[in-house]
Amino acid sequence: MSKKFYLSYFSYAAVIYSLILLFSAWPEFSVDRLNVQLLSFFTVSSVLFPFAVALTERINQRATRAAHWNRWVGFICLIFAIPLGVIFLLAQVIKKR
């Protein structure tokens, strides 16, 4: 995985999650209204999102055509970024051993 790939998908997830946080606290926006657990979940999910995309792309390239899976890969990975990202990292560690 290249730095360009990681940074592009990380920024994609960070923007989406930032917009969700902004709109969830919109009526009277203040730092006190931001949910710390939600913010920490979004941060971890943004960090693991590029790994989830890489894992999903590897799995789907073997099973379907690229035009078919490109439609939903971002949405699926955005929802399941943490478990998919952890699976990808564990697979890389096991592969290196």
Protein backbone atom coordinates (compact mmCIF):
# COMPACT_ATOMS: atom_id res chain seq x y z
CA MET A 1 0.00 0.00 0.00
CA SER A 2 1.46 3.32 -1.06
CA LYS A 3 1.35 6.56 0.90
CA LYS A 4 -0.77 8.16 -1.82
CA PHE A 5 -3.37 5.37 -1.56
CA TYR A 6 -3.45 5.61 2.24
CA LEU A 7 -3.68 9.41 2.37
CA SER A 8 -6.39 9.63 -0.27
CA TYR A 9 -8.65 7.13 1.48
CA PHE A 10 -7.82 8.50 4.93
CA SER A 11 -8.81 11.99 3.83
CA TYR A 12 -11.99 10.64 2.27
CA ALA A 13 -13.03 9.02 5.56
CA ALA A 14 -11.94 12.00 7.65
CA VAL A 15 -14.05 14.40 5.57
CA ILE A 16 -17.12 12.17 5.73
CA TYR A 17 -16.83 11.67 9.48
CA SER A 18 -16.13 15.37 10.06
CA LEU A 19 -19.30 16.27 8.19
CA ILE A 20 -21.29 13.76 10.24
CA LEU A 21 -19.92 15.26 13.47
CA LEU A 22 -20.58 18.79 12.27
CA PHE A 23 -24.18 18.10 11.31
CA SER A 24 -24.89 16.11 14.47
CA ALA A 25 -23.88 19.08 16.62
CA TRP A 26 -25.21 21.77 14.25
CA PRO A 27 -28.14 23.43 16.13
CA GLU A 28 -25.98 24.86 18.86
CA PHE A 29 -22.47 23.87 17.92
CA SER A 30 -20.07 23.76 20.82
CA VAL A 31 -17.16 21.61 21.84
CA ASP A 32 -19.14 20.39 24.86
CA ARG A 33 -21.80 18.85 22.61
CA LEU A 34 -19.30 16.71 20.73
CA ASN A 35 -19.56 13.14 21.86
CA VAL A 36 -16.10 11.91 22.88
CA GLN A 37 -16.90 8.26 22.19
CA LEU A 38 -18.21 9.09 18.73
CA LEU A 39 -15.18 11.23 18.00
CA SER A 40 -12.78 8.47 19.07
CA PHE A 41 -14.70 5.89 17.01
CA PHE A 42 -14.53 8.12 13.95
CA THR A 43 -10.81 8.71 14.46
CA VAL A 44 -10.00 5.00 14.70
CA SER A 45 -12.30 4.25 11.80
CA SER A 46 -10.62 6.91 9.64
CA VAL A 47 -7.19 5.44 10.37
CA LEU A 48 -8.31 1.90 9.51
CA PHE A 49 -10.48 2.83 6.50
CA PRO A 50 -7.66 2.59 3.90
CA PHE A 51 -6.77 -0.88 5.15
CA ALA A 52 -10.40 -1.94 4.87
CA VAL A 53 -10.53 -0.67 1.29
CA ALA A 54 -7.35 -2.56 0.41
CA LEU A 55 -8.72 -5.81 1.89
CA THR A 56 -12.08 -5.41 0.17
CA GLU A 57 -10.41 -4.68 -3.16
CA ARG A 58 -8.23 -7.78 -2.87
CA ILE A 59 -11.20 -9.99 -2.05
CA ASN A 60 -13.48 -8.54 -4.70
CA GLN A 61 -10.94 -8.53 -7.52
CA ARG A 62 -10.92 -12.28 -7.40
CA ALA A 63 -14.70 -12.65 -7.27
CA THR A 64 -16.22 -9.94 -9.50
CA ARG A 65 -15.48 -7.43 -12.21
CA ALA A 66 -13.99 -4.09 -11.16
CA ALA A 67 -16.92 -2.09 -12.56
CA HIS A 68 -19.34 -4.00 -10.35
CA TRP A 69 -17.66 -3.66 -6.96
CA ASN A 70 -16.49 -0.06 -7.37
CA ARG A 71 -20.03 1.16 -6.71
CA TRP A 72 -20.28 -0.06 -3.13
CA VAL A 73 -16.74 -0.68 -1.89
CA GLY A 74 -16.42 2.75 -0.25
CA PHE A 75 -19.75 2.53 1.54
CA ILE A 76 -19.15 -1.01 2.78
CA CYS A 77 -15.68 -0.11 4.02
CA LEU A 78 -16.92 3.06 5.68
CA ILE A 79 -19.39 1.04 7.74
CA PHE A 80 -17.06 -1.86 8.53
CA ALA A 81 -13.72 -0.01 8.62
CA ILE A 82 -12.60 -1.16 12.06
CA PRO A 83 -13.13 -4.94 11.72
CA LEU A 84 -11.94 -5.02 8.10
CA GLY A 85 -8.91 -2.89 8.89
CA VAL A 86 -7.92 -5.11 11.81
CA ILE A 87 -8.34 -8.23 9.64
CA PHE A 88 -6.10 -6.69 6.96
CA LEU A 89 -3.40 -5.76 9.48
CA LEU A 90 -3.50 -9.23 11.07
CA ALA A 91 -3.24 -10.86 7.64
CA GLN A 92 -0.18 -8.73 6.87
CA VAL A 93 1.49 -9.69 10.17
CA ILE A 94 0.78 -13.40 9.61
CA LYS A 95 1.98 -13.14 6.01
CA LYS A 96 5.32 -11.66 7.09
CA ARG A 97 6.01 -14.47 9.54
